[in-house]
């Protein structure tokens, strides 16, 4: 079981609209950050991250071998405030 490979596989794009998708080509090193909103316009909000990853191809060299990540778009301050609010509301 590869935890990194399965990360986000069933996540629908509509649930991560404020994020970017990072694809780092293992062949040429090209590493774009693509806003999830762009992928929603292309594939639809119900589409899963796994579907987008399966369709991806490097725009520089055409290869399909890449390192993939979902990247939170925002500052660390925003993340800390969100975590603090969650704890204050009694959620864990």
C-alpha atoms as a PDB file:
ATOM      1  CA  UNK A   1       0.000   0.000   0.000  1.00  0.00           C
ATOM      2  CA  UNK A   2       1.482   3.325  -1.048  1.00  0.00           C
ATOM      3  CA  UNK A   3      -0.019   6.081   1.119  1.00  0.00           C
ATOM      4  CA  UNK A   4       1.331   8.882  -1.064  1.00  0.00           C
ATOM      5  CA  UNK A   5      -0.124   7.329  -4.222  1.00  0.00           C
ATOM      6  CA  UNK A   6      -3.599   7.032  -2.681  1.00  0.00           C
ATOM      7  CA  UNK A   7      -3.577  10.497  -1.051  1.00  0.00           C
ATOM      8  CA  UNK A   8      -6.562  12.425  -2.293  1.00  0.00           C
ATOM      9  CA  UNK A   9      -7.571   9.809  -4.850  1.00  0.00           C
ATOM     10  CA  UNK A  10     -11.282   9.913  -4.018  1.00  0.00           C
ATOM     11  CA  UNK A  11     -11.326  13.638  -3.236  1.00  0.00           C
ATOM     12  CA  UNK A  12     -13.623  15.571  -5.540  1.00  0.00           C
ATOM     13  CA  UNK A  13     -12.306  18.851  -6.909  1.00  0.00           C
ATOM     14  CA  UNK A  14     -15.306  20.740  -5.499  1.00  0.00           C
ATOM     15  CA  UNK A  15     -13.994  20.031  -1.978  1.00  0.00           C
ATOM     16  CA  UNK A  16     -10.561  21.567  -2.543  1.00  0.00           C
ATOM     17  CA  UNK A  17     -11.373  24.698  -4.575  1.00  0.00           C
ATOM     18  CA  UNK A  18      -8.887  26.883  -2.684  1.00  0.00           C
ATOM     19  CA  UNK A  19      -5.956  24.570  -3.439  1.00  0.00           C
ATOM     20  CA  UNK A  20      -3.471  24.034  -6.245  1.00  0.00           C
ATOM     21  CA  UNK A  21      -2.295  20.784  -7.791  1.00  0.00           C
ATOM     22  CA  UNK A  22       1.459  20.303  -8.061  1.00  0.00           C
ATOM     23  CA  UNK A  23       2.905  18.045 -10.739  1.00  0.00           C
ATOM     24  CA  UNK A  24       6.697  17.635 -10.700  1.00  0.00           C
ATOM     25  CA  UNK A  25       7.868  15.797 -13.806  1.00  0.00           C
ATOM     26  CA  UNK A  26      10.394  13.111 -12.927  1.00  0.00           C
ATOM     27  CA  UNK A  27      11.813  13.180 -16.459  1.00  0.00           C
ATOM     28  CA  UNK A  28      12.551  16.871 -17.064  1.00  0.00           C
ATOM     29  CA  UNK A  29      11.878  18.547 -13.684  1.00  0.00           C
ATOM     30  CA  UNK A  30       9.076  20.810 -14.976  1.00  0.00           C
ATOM     31  CA  UNK A  31       6.966  21.682 -11.929  1.00  0.00           C
ATOM     32  CA  UNK A  32       3.782  23.697 -12.500  1.00  0.00           C
ATOM     33  CA  UNK A  33       1.267  24.643  -9.810  1.00  0.00           C
ATOM     34  CA  UNK A  34      -2.210  24.457 -11.317  1.00  0.00           C
ATOM     35  CA  UNK A  35      -5.192  26.037  -9.537  1.00  0.00           C
ATOM     36  CA  UNK A  36      -7.952  23.509  -8.808  1.00  0.00           C
ATOM     37  CA  UNK A  37     -10.406  26.056 -10.263  1.00  0.00           C
ATOM     38  CA  UNK A  38      -8.737  25.553 -13.666  1.00  0.00           C
ATOM     39  CA  UNK A  39      -9.236  21.798 -13.386  1.00  0.00           C
ATOM     40  CA  UNK A  40     -12.893  22.300 -12.406  1.00  0.00           C
ATOM     41  CA  UNK A  41     -13.445  24.366 -15.567  1.00  0.00           C
ATOM     42  CA  UNK A  42     -11.784  21.617 -17.611  1.00  0.00           C
ATOM     43  CA  UNK A  43     -13.205  18.449 -15.996  1.00  0.00           C
ATOM     44  CA  UNK A  44     -16.108  19.547 -13.762  1.00  0.00           C
ATOM     45  CA  UNK A  45     -16.494  19.909  -9.988  1.00  0.00           C
ATOM     46  CA  UNK A  46     -17.529  16.275  -9.417  1.00  0.00           C
ATOM     47  CA  UNK A  47     -14.281  14.965 -10.928  1.00  0.00           C
ATOM     48  CA  UNK A  48     -11.866  13.276  -8.533  1.00  0.00           C
ATOM     49  CA  UNK A  49      -8.228  14.168  -8.004  1.00  0.00           C
ATOM     50  CA  UNK A  50      -7.376  10.646  -9.153  1.00  0.00           C
ATOM     51  CA  UNK A  51      -9.038  11.297 -12.534  1.00  0.00           C
ATOM     52  CA  UNK A  52      -7.049  14.508 -13.021  1.00  0.00           C
ATOM     53  CA  UNK A  53      -3.820  12.754 -12.049  1.00  0.00           C
ATOM     54  CA  UNK A  54      -4.533   9.931 -14.533  1.00  0.00           C
ATOM     55  CA  UNK A  55      -5.045  12.446 -17.364  1.00  0.00           C
ATOM     56  CA  UNK A  56      -1.939  14.518 -16.535  1.00  0.00           C
ATOM     57  CA  UNK A  57       1.003  14.723 -18.904  1.00  0.00           C
ATOM     58  CA  UNK A  58       4.019  17.045 -18.710  1.00  0.00           C
ATOM     59  CA  UNK A  59       3.477  20.051 -20.969  1.00  0.00           C
ATOM     60  CA  UNK A  60       7.256  20.339 -21.498  1.00  0.00           C
ATOM     61  CA  UNK A  61       8.335  16.787 -22.392  1.00  0.00           C
ATOM     62  CA  UNK A  62       5.061  14.827 -22.665  1.00  0.00           C
ATOM     63  CA  UNK A  63       5.915  12.210 -20.032  1.00  0.00           C
ATOM     64  CA  UNK A  64       3.371  10.847 -17.551  1.00  0.00           C
ATOM     65  CA  UNK A  65       5.793  10.167 -14.678  1.00  0.00           C
ATOM     66  CA  UNK A  66       5.518  12.828 -12.008  1.00  0.00           C
ATOM     67  CA  UNK A  67       5.372  13.516  -8.293  1.00  0.00           C
ATOM     68  CA  UNK A  68       1.892  14.779  -7.359  1.00  0.00           C
ATOM     69  CA  UNK A  69       0.674  16.898  -4.434  1.00  0.00           C
ATOM     70  CA  UNK A  70      -2.392  18.829  -3.361  1.00  0.00           C
ATOM     71  CA  UNK A  71      -1.083  22.202  -2.158  1.00  0.00           C
ATOM     72  CA  UNK A  72      -2.987  24.464   0.230  1.00  0.00           C
ATOM     73  CA  UNK A  73      -3.110  28.011  -1.131  1.00  0.00           C
ATOM     74  CA  UNK A  74      -2.801  30.481   1.704  1.00  0.00           C
ATOM     75  CA  UNK A  75      -0.464  31.521   4.427  1.00  0.00           C
ATOM     76  CA  UNK A  76       0.569  29.520   7.430  1.00  0.00           C
ATOM     77  CA  UNK A  77      -1.250  32.118   9.542  1.00  0.00           C
ATOM     78  CA  UNK A  78      -4.549  31.100   7.912  1.00  0.00           C
ATOM     79  CA  UNK A  79      -3.830  27.437   8.646  1.00  0.00           C
ATOM     80  CA  UNK A  80      -2.953  28.196  12.284  1.00  0.00           C
ATOM     81  CA  UNK A  81      -6.111  30.272  12.787  1.00  0.00           C
ATOM     82  CA  UNK A  82      -8.197  27.478  11.244  1.00  0.00           C
ATOM     83  CA  UNK A  83      -6.610  24.921  13.574  1.00  0.00           C
ATOM     84  CA  UNK A  84      -7.112  27.178  16.597  1.00  0.00           C
ATOM     85  CA  UNK A  85     -10.784  27.744  15.723  1.00  0.00           C
ATOM     86  CA  UNK A  86     -11.318  24.012  15.347  1.00  0.00           C
ATOM     87  CA  UNK A  87      -9.877  23.380  18.830  1.00  0.00           C
ATOM     88  CA  UNK A  88     -11.892  26.235  20.341  1.00  0.00           C
ATOM     89  CA  UNK A  89     -15.097  24.721  18.972  1.00  0.00           C
ATOM     90  CA  UNK A  90     -14.314  21.431  20.693  1.00  0.00           C
ATOM     91  CA  UNK A  91     -13.458  19.582  17.480  1.00  0.00           C
ATOM     92  CA  UNK A  92     -10.377  17.432  17.285  1.00  0.00           C
END
